[in-house]
């Protein structure tokens, strides 16, 4: 399962994904678009770790999270209407 991270700070928020480089044994972090994360989330193929930069608090949101939590931390576009 894919894991994306949503970083929330005072000014804005953005999504990232860790990519493991097998040859060099390094983990690269890249910024990804919200539409990409939403597409995989609605397919049930990913989870999103929400990180609050100021407090360090982390919340894991996945397909089994409540609609209320999904709306609060990711936004209404991430709620699957078919559930």
C-alpha atoms as a PDB file:
ATOM      1  CA  UNK A   1       0.000   0.000   0.000  1.00  0.00           C
ATOM      2  CA  UNK A   2       1.243   3.477  -0.853  1.00  0.00           C
ATOM      3  CA  UNK A   3       1.839   5.958   1.928  1.00  0.00           C
ATOM      4  CA  UNK A   4       1.690   9.678   1.346  1.00  0.00           C
ATOM      5  CA  UNK A   5       2.390  12.364   3.924  1.00  0.00           C
ATOM      6  CA  UNK A   6       0.456  15.603   4.287  1.00  0.00           C
ATOM      7  CA  UNK A   7       2.541  18.278   5.992  1.00  0.00           C
ATOM      8  CA  UNK A   8       0.483  21.037   7.621  1.00  0.00           C
ATOM      9  CA  UNK A   9       2.204  24.215   8.781  1.00  0.00           C
ATOM     10  CA  UNK A  10       1.067  27.719   9.679  1.00  0.00           C
ATOM     11  CA  UNK A  11       0.783  28.997   6.114  1.00  0.00           C
ATOM     12  CA  UNK A  12      -0.280  26.033   3.992  1.00  0.00           C
ATOM     13  CA  UNK A  13      -0.116  22.289   3.482  1.00  0.00           C
ATOM     14  CA  UNK A  14       1.440  19.994   0.902  1.00  0.00           C
ATOM     15  CA  UNK A  15       1.766  16.289   0.135  1.00  0.00           C
ATOM     16  CA  UNK A  16       4.955  14.247  -0.124  1.00  0.00           C
ATOM     17  CA  UNK A  17       5.897  10.659  -0.923  1.00  0.00           C
ATOM     18  CA  UNK A  18       9.051   8.770   0.046  1.00  0.00           C
ATOM     19  CA  UNK A  19      10.826   6.925  -2.765  1.00  0.00           C
ATOM     20  CA  UNK A  20      13.418   4.298  -1.894  1.00  0.00           C
ATOM     21  CA  UNK A  21      16.444   4.175  -4.186  1.00  0.00           C
ATOM     22  CA  UNK A  22      17.524   0.537  -4.072  1.00  0.00           C
ATOM     23  CA  UNK A  23      20.918   0.970  -5.720  1.00  0.00           C
ATOM     24  CA  UNK A  24      22.080   3.751  -3.421  1.00  0.00           C
ATOM     25  CA  UNK A  25      20.080   2.776  -0.308  1.00  0.00           C
ATOM     26  CA  UNK A  26      18.674   6.301   0.022  1.00  0.00           C
ATOM     27  CA  UNK A  27      15.155   7.551   0.610  1.00  0.00           C
ATOM     28  CA  UNK A  28      14.176  10.548  -1.514  1.00  0.00           C
ATOM     29  CA  UNK A  29      11.200  12.689  -0.588  1.00  0.00           C
ATOM     30  CA  UNK A  30       9.229  14.295  -3.398  1.00  0.00           C
ATOM     31  CA  UNK A  31       6.297  16.656  -3.346  1.00  0.00           C
ATOM     32  CA  UNK A  32       3.193  15.286  -5.095  1.00  0.00           C
ATOM     33  CA  UNK A  33      -0.018  16.912  -6.258  1.00  0.00           C
ATOM     34  CA  UNK A  34      -3.215  16.641  -4.221  1.00  0.00           C
ATOM     35  CA  UNK A  35      -5.030  15.181  -7.253  1.00  0.00           C
ATOM     36  CA  UNK A  36      -2.589  12.244  -7.322  1.00  0.00           C
ATOM     37  CA  UNK A  37      -3.101  11.493  -3.646  1.00  0.00           C
ATOM     38  CA  UNK A  38      -6.888  11.823  -3.985  1.00  0.00           C
ATOM     39  CA  UNK A  39      -6.976   9.419  -6.933  1.00  0.00           C
ATOM     40  CA  UNK A  40      -5.171   6.661  -5.044  1.00  0.00           C
ATOM     41  CA  UNK A  41      -7.024   7.354  -1.781  1.00  0.00           C
ATOM     42  CA  UNK A  42     -10.431   7.009  -3.444  1.00  0.00           C
ATOM     43  CA  UNK A  43      -9.304   3.721  -5.008  1.00  0.00           C
ATOM     44  CA  UNK A  44      -8.459   2.485  -1.508  1.00  0.00           C
ATOM     45  CA  UNK A  45      -4.835   2.063  -2.530  1.00  0.00           C
ATOM     46  CA  UNK A  46      -3.112   4.419  -0.085  1.00  0.00           C
ATOM     47  CA  UNK A  47      -2.990   5.860   3.386  1.00  0.00           C
ATOM     48  CA  UNK A  48      -2.099   9.413   4.347  1.00  0.00           C
ATOM     49  CA  UNK A  49      -0.012  10.350   7.367  1.00  0.00           C
ATOM     50  CA  UNK A  50      -1.019  13.860   8.451  1.00  0.00           C
ATOM     51  CA  UNK A  51       1.837  15.678  10.215  1.00  0.00           C
ATOM     52  CA  UNK A  52       1.399  18.976  12.034  1.00  0.00           C
ATOM     53  CA  UNK A  53       4.778  20.685  11.680  1.00  0.00           C
ATOM     54  CA  UNK A  54       4.440  22.967  14.720  1.00  0.00           C
ATOM     55  CA  UNK A  55       3.430  20.291  17.246  1.00  0.00           C
ATOM     56  CA  UNK A  56       4.868  17.149  15.655  1.00  0.00           C
ATOM     57  CA  UNK A  57       1.471  15.465  16.066  1.00  0.00           C
ATOM     58  CA  UNK A  58       0.749  12.682  13.551  1.00  0.00           C
ATOM     59  CA  UNK A  59      -2.557  11.129  12.453  1.00  0.00           C
ATOM     60  CA  UNK A  60      -2.885   8.208  10.037  1.00  0.00           C
ATOM     61  CA  UNK A  61      -5.894   8.419   7.710  1.00  0.00           C
ATOM     62  CA  UNK A  62      -6.875   5.443   5.552  1.00  0.00           C
ATOM     63  CA  UNK A  63      -9.897   3.861   3.895  1.00  0.00           C
ATOM     64  CA  UNK A  64     -11.308   2.789   7.271  1.00  0.00           C
ATOM     65  CA  UNK A  65     -11.161   6.252   8.877  1.00  0.00           C
ATOM     66  CA  UNK A  66     -14.446   8.011   9.604  1.00  0.00           C
ATOM     67  CA  UNK A  67     -15.862  10.419   7.030  1.00  0.00           C
ATOM     68  CA  UNK A  68     -15.565  13.131   9.686  1.00  0.00           C
ATOM     69  CA  UNK A  69     -11.797  12.586  10.090  1.00  0.00           C
ATOM     70  CA  UNK A  70     -11.258  12.397   6.321  1.00  0.00           C
ATOM     71  CA  UNK A  71     -13.166  15.660   5.805  1.00  0.00           C
ATOM     72  CA  UNK A  72     -11.335  17.372   8.689  1.00  0.00           C
ATOM     73  CA  UNK A  73      -7.764  16.408   7.754  1.00  0.00           C
ATOM     74  CA  UNK A  74      -7.862  15.835   3.971  1.00  0.00           C
ATOM     75  CA  UNK A  75     -10.944  17.698   2.756  1.00  0.00           C
ATOM     76  CA  UNK A  76     -14.385  16.817   1.372  1.00  0.00           C
ATOM     77  CA  UNK A  77     -12.992  15.783  -2.040  1.00  0.00           C
ATOM     78  CA  UNK A  78     -11.413  12.706  -0.401  1.00  0.00           C
ATOM     79  CA  UNK A  79     -14.735  11.217   0.767  1.00  0.00           C
ATOM     80  CA  UNK A  80     -15.894   8.290  -1.309  1.00  0.00           C
ATOM     81  CA  UNK A  81     -19.557   8.822  -2.135  1.00  0.00           C
ATOM     82  CA  UNK A  82     -20.157   5.075  -2.668  1.00  0.00           C
ATOM     83  CA  UNK A  83     -19.528   4.079   0.972  1.00  0.00           C
END
